[in-house]
Amino acid sequence: MRPGPELRQIAKGLKREFHTYQLVLRDSRTPRLAKILLGVAVGYILMPFDLIPDFIPIIGHIDDVIIVPLLILLALKLMPPGLIDDCRRQAESKCGNL
């Protein structure tokens, strides 16, 4: 069974955002603390284990939903205005218009 158009659109959006964050990490305008926070967020997503195990009711399942977006939000707040937009435009041109 093939994924529906909504799922493909979500996958394209995630690919674009991941590429955007890669560009942000490489950009010299990005503050060091923002780079660290983004790196920790990406590392947390890719970790083969959870810091809070999933067998702990409620908290074990929502830790990824809270920790990763919070780290990304903090990193974005530390960045100079326009940096994310510049990197997002570069990512869109490389990944194709979504």
PDB file of N, CA and C in Angstrom:
ATOM      1  N   MET A   1       0.846  -1.177   0.000  1.00  0.00           N
ATOM      2  CA  MET A   1       0.000   0.000   0.000  1.00  0.00           C
ATOM      3  C   MET A   1       0.894   1.245   0.000  1.00  0.00           C
ATOM      4  N   ARG A   2       0.645   2.158  -0.903  1.00  0.00           N
ATOM      5  CA  ARG A   2       1.442   3.378  -1.031  1.00  0.00           C
ATOM      6  C   ARG A   2       0.950   4.435  -0.051  1.00  0.00           C
ATOM      7  N   PRO A   3       1.893   5.241   0.496  1.00  0.00           N
ATOM      8  CA  PRO A   3       1.472   6.306   1.408  1.00  0.00           C
ATOM      9  C   PRO A   3       0.644   7.350   0.675  1.00  0.00           C
ATOM     10  N   GLY A   4      -0.289   7.956   1.391  1.00  0.00           N
ATOM     11  CA  GLY A   4      -1.151   8.976   0.810  1.00  0.00           C
ATOM     12  C   GLY A   4      -0.399  10.274   0.577  1.00  0.00           C
ATOM     13  N   PRO A   5      -1.045  11.211  -0.124  1.00  0.00           N
ATOM     14  CA  PRO A   5      -0.387  12.491  -0.428  1.00  0.00           C
ATOM     15  C   PRO A   5      -0.047  13.295   0.828  1.00  0.00           C
ATOM     16  N   GLU A   6      -0.847  13.156   1.895  1.00  0.00           N
ATOM     17  CA  GLU A   6      -0.562  13.894   3.125  1.00  0.00           C
ATOM     18  C   GLU A   6       0.741  13.393   3.752  1.00  0.00           C
ATOM     19  N   LEU A   7       0.922  12.083   3.756  1.00  0.00           N
ATOM     20  CA  LEU A   7       2.126  11.517   4.337  1.00  0.00           C
ATOM     21  C   LEU A   7       3.363  11.907   3.531  1.00  0.00           C
ATOM     22  N   ARG A   8       3.227  11.918   2.212  1.00  0.00           N
ATOM     23  CA  ARG A   8       4.348  12.342   1.364  1.00  0.00           C
ATOM     24  C   ARG A   8       4.687  13.807   1.603  1.00  0.00           C
ATOM     25  N   GLN A   9       3.675  14.629   1.795  1.00  0.00           N
ATOM     26  CA  GLN A   9       3.884  16.061   2.043  1.00  0.00           C
ATOM     27  C   GLN A   9       4.595  16.270   3.381  1.00  0.00           C
ATOM     28  N   ILE A  10       4.199  15.502   4.389  1.00  0.00           N
ATOM     29  CA  ILE A  10       4.851  15.595   5.699  1.00  0.00           C
ATOM     30  C   ILE A  10       6.307  15.169   5.580  1.00  0.00           C
ATOM     31  N   ALA A  11       6.563  14.091   4.852  1.00  0.00           N
ATOM     32  CA  ALA A  11       7.938  13.607   4.673  1.00  0.00           C
ATOM     33  C   ALA A  11       8.789  14.654   3.959  1.00  0.00           C
ATOM     34  N   LYS A  12       8.242  15.300   2.936  1.00  0.00           N
ATOM     35  CA  LYS A  12       8.980  16.349   2.234  1.00  0.00           C
ATOM     36  C   LYS A  12       9.276  17.525   3.160  1.00  0.00           C
ATOM     37  N   GLY A  13       8.297  17.889   3.992  1.00  0.00           N
ATOM     38  CA  GLY A  13       8.493  18.987   4.938  1.00  0.00           C
ATOM     39  C   GLY A  13       9.568  18.666   5.954  1.00  0.00           C
ATOM     40  N   LEU A  14       9.573  17.436   6.455  1.00  0.00           N
ATOM     41  CA  LEU A  14      10.602  17.024   7.413  1.00  0.00           C
ATOM     42  C   LEU A  14      11.982  17.019   6.766  1.00  0.00           C
ATOM     43  N   LYS A  15      12.046  16.569   5.526  1.00  0.00           N
ATOM     44  CA  LYS A  15      13.322  16.558   4.807  1.00  0.00           C
ATOM     45  C   LYS A  15      13.839  17.988   4.635  1.00  0.00           C
ATOM     46  N   ARG A  16      12.937  18.906   4.269  1.00  0.00           N
ATOM     47  CA  ARG A  16      13.333  20.305   4.091  1.00  0.00           C
ATOM     48  C   ARG A  16      13.804  20.912   5.409  1.00  0.00           C
ATOM     49  N   GLU A  17      13.085  20.653   6.501  1.00  0.00           N
ATOM     50  CA  GLU A  17      13.476  21.208   7.799  1.00  0.00           C
ATOM     51  C   GLU A  17      14.808  20.641   8.261  1.00  0.00           C
ATOM     52  N   PHE A  18      15.018  19.342   8.062  1.00  0.00           N
ATOM     53  CA  PHE A  18      16.288  18.729   8.446  1.00  0.00           C
ATOM     54  C   PHE A  18      17.431  19.371   7.662  1.00  0.00           C
ATOM     55  N   HIS A  19      17.224  19.585   6.367  1.00  0.00           N
ATOM     56  CA  HIS A  19      18.252  20.224   5.547  1.00  0.00           C
ATOM     57  C   HIS A  19      18.457  21.683   5.980  1.00  0.00           C
ATOM     58  N   THR A  20      17.372  22.361   6.353  1.00  0.00           N
ATOM     59  CA  THR A  20      17.470  23.738   6.839  1.00  0.00           C
ATOM     60  C   THR A  20      18.359  23.800   8.075  1.00  0.00           C
ATOM     61  N   TYR A  21      18.144  22.869   9.013  1.00  0.00           N
ATOM     62  CA  TYR A  21      18.935  22.871  10.245  1.00  0.00           C
ATOM     63  C   TYR A  21      20.394  22.510   9.962  1.00  0.00           C
ATOM     64  N   GLN A  22      20.638  21.675   8.968  1.00  0.00           N
ATOM     65  CA  GLN A  22      22.020  21.394   8.580  1.00  0.00           C
ATOM     66  C   GLN A  22      22.698  22.671   8.086  1.00  0.00           C
ATOM     67  N   LEU A  23      21.984  23.433   7.265  1.00  0.00           N
ATOM     68  CA  LEU A  23      22.538  24.689   6.752  1.00  0.00           C
ATOM     69  C   LEU A  23      22.772  25.695   7.881  1.00  0.00           C
ATOM     70  N   VAL A  24      21.841  25.749   8.824  1.00  0.00           N
ATOM     71  CA  VAL A  24      21.974  26.658   9.965  1.00  0.00           C
ATOM     72  C   VAL A  24      23.210  26.301  10.775  1.00  0.00           C
ATOM     73  N   LEU A  25      23.435  25.002  10.986  1.00  0.00           N
ATOM     74  CA  LEU A  25      24.598  24.569  11.767  1.00  0.00           C
ATOM     75  C   LEU A  25      25.911  24.938  11.084  1.00  0.00           C
ATOM     76  N   ARG A  26      25.929  24.977   9.764  1.00  0.00           N
ATOM     77  CA  ARG A  26      27.153  25.301   9.021  1.00  0.00           C
ATOM     78  C   ARG A  26      27.362  26.801   8.844  1.00  0.00           C
ATOM     79  N   ASP A  27      26.316  27.587   9.060  1.00  0.00           N
ATOM     80  CA  ASP A  27      26.384  29.027   8.812  1.00  0.00           C
ATOM     81  C   ASP A  27      27.206  29.725   9.894  1.00  0.00           C
ATOM     82  N   SER A  28      28.076  30.614   9.477  1.00  0.00           N
ATOM     83  CA  SER A  28      28.943  31.330  10.428  1.00  0.00           C
ATOM     84  C   SER A  28      28.167  32.345  11.272  1.00  0.00           C
ATOM     85  N   ARG A  29      26.972  32.733  10.836  1.00  0.00           N
ATOM     86  CA  ARG A  29      26.166  33.689  11.601  1.00  0.00           C
ATOM     87  C   ARG A  29      25.468  33.045  12.797  1.00  0.00           C
ATOM     88  N   THR A  30      25.431  31.722  12.838  1.00  0.00           N
ATOM     89  CA  THR A  30      24.740  31.016  13.914  1.00  0.00           C
ATOM     90  C   THR A  30      25.577  31.056  15.189  1.00  0.00           C
ATOM     91  N   PRO A  31      25.000  31.555  16.288  1.00  0.00           N
ATOM     92  CA  PRO A  31      25.734  31.591  17.557  1.00  0.00           C
ATOM     93  C   PRO A  31      26.097  30.172  18.036  1.00  0.00           C
ATOM     94  N   ARG A  32      27.181  30.086  18.755  1.00  0.00           N
ATOM     95  CA  ARG A  32      27.679  28.786  19.230  1.00  0.00           C
ATOM     96  C   ARG A  32      26.642  28.051  20.077  1.00  0.00           C
ATOM     97  N   LEU A  33      25.963  28.750  20.991  1.00  0.00           N
ATOM     98  CA  LEU A  33      24.972  28.108  21.854  1.00  0.00           C
ATOM     99  C   LEU A  33      23.815  27.546  21.031  1.00  0.00           C
ATOM    100  N   ALA A  34      23.397  28.264  20.000  1.00  0.00           N
ATOM    101  CA  ALA A  34      22.327  27.772  19.129  1.00  0.00           C
ATOM    102  C   ALA A  34      22.770  26.505  18.407  1.00  0.00           C
ATOM    103  N   LYS A  35      24.026  26.467  17.966  1.00  0.00           N
ATOM    104  CA  LYS A  35      24.557  25.269  17.310  1.00  0.00           C
ATOM    105  C   LYS A  35      24.560  24.086  18.273  1.00  0.00           C
ATOM    106  N   ILE A  36      24.943  24.336  19.502  1.00  0.00           N
ATOM    107  CA  ILE A  36      24.963  23.262  20.501  1.00  0.00           C
ATOM    108  C   ILE A  36      23.554  22.740  20.756  1.00  0.00           C
ATOM    109  N   LEU A  37      22.583  23.650  20.943  1.00  0.00           N
ATOM    110  CA  LEU A  37      21.203  23.233  21.205  1.00  0.00           C
ATOM    111  C   LEU A  37      20.629  22.443  20.038  1.00  0.00           C
ATOM    112  N   LEU A  38      20.873  22.902  18.803  1.00  0.00           N
ATOM    113  CA  LEU A  38      20.394  22.152  17.637  1.00  0.00           C
ATOM    114  C   LEU A  38      21.068  20.797  17.536  1.00  0.00           C
ATOM    115  N   GLY A  39      22.356  20.753  17.806  1.00  0.00           N
ATOM    116  CA  GLY A  39      23.082  19.490  17.767  1.00  0.00           C
ATOM    117  C   GLY A  39      22.558  18.502  18.791  1.00  0.00           C
ATOM    118  N   VAL A  40      22.257  18.999  19.987  1.00  0.00           N
ATOM    119  CA  VAL A  40      21.694  18.134  21.029  1.00  0.00           C
ATOM    120  C   VAL A  40      20.307  17.638  20.616  1.00  0.00           C
ATOM    121  N   ALA A  41      19.489  18.511  20.022  1.00  0.00           N
ATOM    122  CA  ALA A  41      18.151  18.106  19.576  1.00  0.00           C
ATOM    123  C   ALA A  41      18.236  17.006  18.525  1.00  0.00           C
ATOM    124  N   VAL A  42      19.090  17.186  17.538  1.00  0.00           N
ATOM    125  CA  VAL A  42      19.250  16.177  16.482  1.00  0.00           C
ATOM    126  C   VAL A  42      19.815  14.885  17.080  1.00  0.00           C
ATOM    127  N   GLY A  43      20.784  15.012  17.971  1.00  0.00           N
ATOM    128  CA  GLY A  43      21.353  13.835  18.623  1.00  0.00           C
ATOM    129  C   GLY A  43      20.326  13.094  19.455  1.00  0.00           C
ATOM    130  N   TYR A  44      19.463  13.835  20.138  1.00  0.00           N
ATOM    131  CA  TYR A  44      18.425  13.218  20.960  1.00  0.00           C
ATOM    132  C   TYR A  44      17.452  12.422  20.090  1.00  0.00           C
ATOM    133  N   ILE A  45      17.122  12.976  18.927  1.00  0.00           N
ATOM    134  CA  ILE A  45      16.213  12.273  18.010  1.00  0.00           C
ATOM    135  C   ILE A  45      16.856  10.988  17.510  1.00  0.00           C
ATOM    136  N   LEU A  46      18.145  11.039  17.214  1.00  0.00           N
ATOM    137  CA  LEU A  46      18.832   9.900  16.618  1.00  0.00           C
ATOM    138  C   LEU A  46      19.351   8.885  17.640  1.00  0.00           C
ATOM    139  N   MET A  47      19.260   9.203  18.930  1.00  0.00           N
ATOM    140  CA  MET A  47      19.741   8.277  19.957  1.00  0.00           C
ATOM    141  C   MET A  47      18.982   6.954  19.891  1.00  0.00           C
ATOM    142  N   PRO A  48      19.689   5.830  20.009  1.00  0.00           N
ATOM    143  CA  PRO A  48      19.005   4.541  19.963  1.00  0.00           C
ATOM    144  C   PRO A  48      18.254   4.210  21.254  1.00  0.00           C
ATOM    145  N   PHE A  49      18.399   5.041  22.270  1.00  0.00           N
ATOM    146  CA  PHE A  49      17.682   4.812  23.530  1.00  0.00           C
ATOM    147  C   PHE A  49      17.134   6.150  24.025  1.00  0.00           C
ATOM    148  N   ASP A  50      16.178   6.093  24.931  1.00  0.00           N
ATOM    149  CA  ASP A  50      15.581   7.296  25.511  1.00  0.00           C
ATOM    150  C   ASP A  50      16.213   7.585  26.861  1.00  0.00           C
ATOM    151  N   LEU A  51      16.358   8.853  27.180  1.00  0.00           N
ATOM    152  CA  LEU A  51      16.814   9.227  28.514  1.00  0.00           C
ATOM    153  C   LEU A  51      15.749   8.875  29.547  1.00  0.00           C
ATOM    154  N   ILE A  52      14.496   9.036  29.172  1.00  0.00           N
ATOM    155  CA  ILE A  52      13.372   8.634  30.018  1.00  0.00           C
ATOM    156  C   ILE A  52      12.722   7.439  29.310  1.00  0.00           C
ATOM    157  N   PRO A  53      12.867   6.233  29.853  1.00  0.00           N
ATOM    158  CA  PRO A  53      12.360   5.033  29.166  1.00  0.00           C
ATOM    159  C   PRO A  53      10.858   5.097  28.905  1.00  0.00           C
ATOM    160  N   ASP A  54      10.440   4.511  27.791  1.00  0.00           N
ATOM    161  CA  ASP A  54       9.037   4.548  27.382  1.00  0.00           C
ATOM    162  C   ASP A  54       8.117   3.759  28.302  1.00  0.00           C
ATOM    163  N   PHE A  55       8.664   2.843  29.097  1.00  0.00           N
ATOM    164  CA  PHE A  55       7.786   2.062  29.970  1.00  0.00           C
ATOM    165  C   PHE A  55       7.284   2.873  31.166  1.00  0.00           C
ATOM    166  N   ILE A  56       7.855   4.055  31.398  1.00  0.00           N
ATOM    167  CA  ILE A  56       7.343   4.941  32.448  1.00  0.00           C
ATOM    168  C   ILE A  56       6.081   5.608  31.888  1.00  0.00           C
ATOM    169  N   PRO A  57       4.945   5.402  32.555  1.00  0.00           N
ATOM    170  CA  PRO A  57       3.676   5.923  32.023  1.00  0.00           C
ATOM    171  C   PRO A  57       3.714   7.423  31.738  1.00  0.00           C
ATOM    172  N   ILE A  58       3.141   7.805  30.667  1.00  0.00           N
ATOM    173  CA  ILE A  58       2.939   9.169  30.175  1.00  0.00           C
ATOM    174  C   ILE A  58       4.259   9.901  29.915  1.00  0.00           C
ATOM    175  N   ILE A  59       5.078  10.100  30.930  1.00  0.00           N
ATOM    176  CA  ILE A  59       6.315  10.867  30.773  1.00  0.00           C
ATOM    177  C   ILE A  59       7.266  10.190  29.785  1.00  0.00           C
ATOM    178  N   GLY A  60       7.321   8.887  29.801  1.00  0.00           N
ATOM    179  CA  GLY A  60       8.215   8.154  28.907  1.00  0.00           C
ATOM    180  C   GLY A  60       7.881   8.351  27.442  1.00  0.00           C
ATOM    181  N   HIS A  61       6.612   8.597  27.151  1.00  0.00           N
ATOM    182  CA  HIS A  61       6.199   8.764  25.761  1.00  0.00           C
ATOM    183  C   HIS A  61       6.224  10.213  25.292  1.00  0.00           C
ATOM    184  N   ILE A  62       6.029  11.139  26.203  1.00  0.00           N
ATOM    185  CA  ILE A  62       5.958  12.538  25.761  1.00  0.00           C
ATOM    186  C   ILE A  62       7.288  13.277  25.882  1.00  0.00           C
ATOM    187  N   ASP A  63       8.326  12.614  26.401  1.00  0.00           N
ATOM    188  CA  ASP A  63       9.594  13.330  26.557  1.00  0.00           C
ATOM    189  C   ASP A  63      10.149  13.786  25.212  1.00  0.00           C
ATOM    190  N   ASP A  64      10.053  12.944  24.170  1.00  0.00           N
ATOM    191  CA  ASP A  64      10.539  13.332  22.843  1.00  0.00           C
ATOM    192  C   ASP A  64       9.731  14.491  22.279  1.00  0.00           C
ATOM    193  N   VAL A  65       8.449  14.501  22.577  1.00  0.00           N
ATOM    194  CA  VAL A  65       7.560  15.529  22.041  1.00  0.00           C
ATOM    195  C   VAL A  65       7.804  16.876  22.727  1.00  0.00           C
ATOM    196  N   ILE A  66       8.357  16.857  23.914  1.00  0.00           N
ATOM    197  CA  ILE A  66       8.605  18.098  24.655  1.00  0.00           C
ATOM    198  C   ILE A  66      10.057  18.545  24.528  1.00  0.00           C
ATOM    199  N   ILE A  67      11.000  17.645  24.724  1.00  0.00           N
ATOM    200  CA  ILE A  67      12.417  18.011  24.779  1.00  0.00           C
ATOM    201  C   ILE A  67      12.935  18.524  23.439  1.00  0.00           C
ATOM    202  N   VAL A  68      12.693  17.790  22.365  1.00  0.00           N
ATOM    203  CA  VAL A  68      13.233  18.173  21.055  1.00  0.00           C
ATOM    204  C   VAL A  68      12.675  19.519  20.577  1.00  0.00           C
ATOM    205  N   PRO A  69      11.352  19.717  20.582  1.00  0.00           N
ATOM    206  CA  PRO A  69      10.852  21.038  20.147  1.00  0.00           C
ATOM    207  C   PRO A  69      11.336  22.177  21.042  1.00  0.00           C
ATOM    208  N   LEU A  70      11.478  21.919  22.336  1.00  0.00           N
ATOM    209  CA  LEU A  70      11.956  22.960  23.241  1.00  0.00           C
ATOM    210  C   LEU A  70      13.391  23.357  22.907  1.00  0.00           C
ATOM    211  N   LEU A  71      14.251  22.371  22.654  1.00  0.00           N
ATOM    212  CA  LEU A  71      15.634  22.667  22.270  1.00  0.00           C
ATOM    213  C   LEU A  71      15.691  23.445  20.957  1.00  0.00           C
ATOM    214  N   ILE A  72      14.877  23.038  19.987  1.00  0.00           N
ATOM    215  CA  ILE A  72      14.852  23.732  18.694  1.00  0.00           C
ATOM    216  C   ILE A  72      14.332  25.153  18.857  1.00  0.00           C
ATOM    217  N   LEU A  73      13.276  25.329  19.649  1.00  0.00           N
ATOM    218  CA  LEU A  73      12.722  26.660  19.878  1.00  0.00           C
ATOM    219  C   LEU A  73      13.751  27.581  20.537  1.00  0.00           C
ATOM    220  N   LEU A  74      14.456  27.085  21.539  1.00  0.00           N
ATOM    221  CA  LEU A  74      15.490  27.892  22.188  1.00  0.00           C
ATOM    222  C   LEU A  74      16.595  28.271  21.203  1.00  0.00           C
ATOM    223  N   ALA A  75      17.016  27.320  20.374  1.00  0.00           N
ATOM    224  CA  ALA A  75      18.066  27.598  19.384  1.00  0.00           C
ATOM    225  C   ALA A  75      17.590  28.659  18.390  1.00  0.00           C
ATOM    226  N   LEU A  76      16.345  28.555  17.938  1.00  0.00           N
ATOM    227  CA  LEU A  76      15.820  29.518  16.972  1.00  0.00           C
ATOM    228  C   LEU A  76      15.735  30.918  17.567  1.00  0.00           C
ATOM    229  N   LYS A  77      15.417  31.011  18.843  1.00  0.00           N
ATOM    230  CA  LYS A  77      15.339  32.326  19.495  1.00  0.00           C
ATOM    231  C   LYS A  77      16.707  33.001  19.584  1.00  0.00           C
ATOM    232  N   LEU A  78      17.779  32.219  19.598  1.00  0.00           N
ATOM    233  CA  LEU A  78      19.130  32.769  19.720  1.00  0.00           C
ATOM    234  C   LEU A  78      19.714  33.225  18.378  1.00  0.00           C
ATOM    235  N   MET A  79      19.068  32.876  17.285  1.00  0.00           N
ATOM    236  CA  MET A  79      19.624  33.164  15.956  1.00  0.00           C
ATOM    237  C   MET A  79      19.264  34.568  15.488  1.00  0.00           C
ATOM    238  N   PRO A  80      20.149  35.164  14.701  1.00  0.00           N
ATOM    239  CA  PRO A  80      19.848  36.498  14.166  1.00  0.00           C
ATOM    240  C   PRO A  80      18.646  36.449  13.215  1.00  0.00           C
ATOM    241  N   PRO A  81      17.907  37.552  13.151  1.00  0.00           N
ATOM    242  CA  PRO A  81      16.743  37.595  12.259  1.00  0.00           C
ATOM    243  C   PRO A  81      17.146  37.333  10.809  1.00  0.00           C
ATOM    244  N   GLY A  82      16.342  36.576  10.127  1.00  0.00           N
ATOM    245  CA  GLY A  82      16.577  36.309   8.712  1.00  0.00           C
ATOM    246  C   GLY A  82      17.424  35.085   8.428  1.00  0.00           C
ATOM    247  N   LEU A  83      18.171  34.597   9.406  1.00  0.00           N
ATOM    248  CA  LEU A  83      19.043  33.447   9.171  1.00  0.00           C
ATOM    249  C   LEU A  83      18.246  32.201   8.794  1.00  0.00           C
ATOM    250  N   ILE A  84      17.203  31.914   9.547  1.00  0.00           N
ATOM    251  CA  ILE A  84      16.384  30.733   9.258  1.00  0.00           C
ATOM    252  C   ILE A  84      15.725  30.876   7.891  1.00  0.00           C
ATOM    253  N   ASP A  85      15.212  32.060   7.579  1.00  0.00           N
ATOM    254  CA  ASP A  85      14.575  32.268   6.274  1.00  0.00           C
ATOM    255  C   ASP A  85      15.564  32.049   5.132  1.00  0.00           C
ATOM    256  N   ASP A  86      16.781  32.556   5.287  1.00  0.00           N
ATOM    257  CA  ASP A  86      17.808  32.361   4.260  1.00  0.00           C
ATOM    258  C   ASP A  86      18.107  30.867   4.070  1.00  0.00           C
ATOM    259  N   CYS A  87      18.286  30.171   5.180  1.00  0.00           N
ATOM    260  CA  CYS A  87      18.606  28.735   5.095  1.00  0.00           C
ATOM    261  C   CYS A  87      17.418  27.930   4.569  1.00  0.00           C
ATOM    262  N   ARG A  88      16.201  28.324   4.939  1.00  0.00           N
ATOM    263  CA  ARG A  88      15.011  27.620   4.450  1.00  0.00           C
ATOM    264  C   ARG A  88      14.878  27.795   2.933  1.00  0.00           C
ATOM    265  N   ARG A  89      15.159  29.008   2.427  1.00  0.00           N
ATOM    266  CA  ARG A  89      15.106  29.229   0.975  1.00  0.00           C
ATOM    267  C   ARG A  89      16.146  28.369   0.261  1.00  0.00           C
ATOM    268  N   GLN A  90      17.349  28.275   0.831  1.00  0.00           N
ATOM    269  CA  GLN A  90      18.385  27.426   0.240  1.00  0.00           C
ATOM    270  C   GLN A  90      17.946  25.970   0.252  1.00  0.00           C
ATOM    271  N   ALA A  91      17.344  25.524   1.335  1.00  0.00           N
ATOM    272  CA  ALA A  91      16.895  24.139   1.439  1.00  0.00           C
ATOM    273  C   ALA A  91      15.787  23.853   0.428  1.00  0.00           C
ATOM    274  N   GLU A  92      14.869  24.807   0.256  1.00  0.00           N
ATOM    275  CA  GLU A  92      13.784  24.622  -0.703  1.00  0.00           C
ATOM    276  C   GLU A  92      14.326  24.537  -2.130  1.00  0.00           C
ATOM    277  N   SER A  93      15.331  25.354  -2.436  1.00  0.00           N
ATOM    278  CA  SER A  93      15.868  25.316  -3.787  1.00  0.00           C
ATOM    279  C   SER A  93      16.594  23.989  -4.032  1.00  0.00           C
ATOM    280  N   LYS A  94      17.188  23.426  -2.990  1.00  0.00           N
ATOM    281  CA  LYS A  94      17.885  22.150  -3.158  1.00  0.00           C
ATOM    282  C   LYS A  94      16.909  20.971  -3.133  1.00  0.00           C
ATOM    283  N   CYS A  95      15.930  21.013  -2.242  1.00  0.00           N
ATOM    284  CA  CYS A  95      14.987  19.892  -2.103  1.00  0.00           C
ATOM    285  C   CYS A  95      13.804  20.015  -3.052  1.00  0.00           C
ATOM    286  N   GLY A  96      13.675  21.128  -3.722  1.00  0.00           N
ATOM    287  CA  GLY A  96      12.525  21.358  -4.607  1.00  0.00           C
ATOM    288  C   GLY A  96      11.438  22.106  -3.863  1.00  0.00           C
ATOM    289  N   ASN A  97      10.635  22.806  -4.588  1.00  0.00           N
ATOM    290  CA  ASN A  97       9.533  23.565  -3.971  1.00  0.00           C
ATOM    291  C   ASN A  97       8.505  22.611  -3.415  1.00  0.00           C
ATOM    292  N   LEU A  98       8.059  22.928  -2.216  1.00  0.00           N
ATOM    293  CA  LEU A  98       7.086  22.054  -1.565  1.00  0.00           C
ATOM    294  C   LEU A  98       5.755  22.712  -1.641  1.00  0.00           C
TER     295      LEU A  98
END
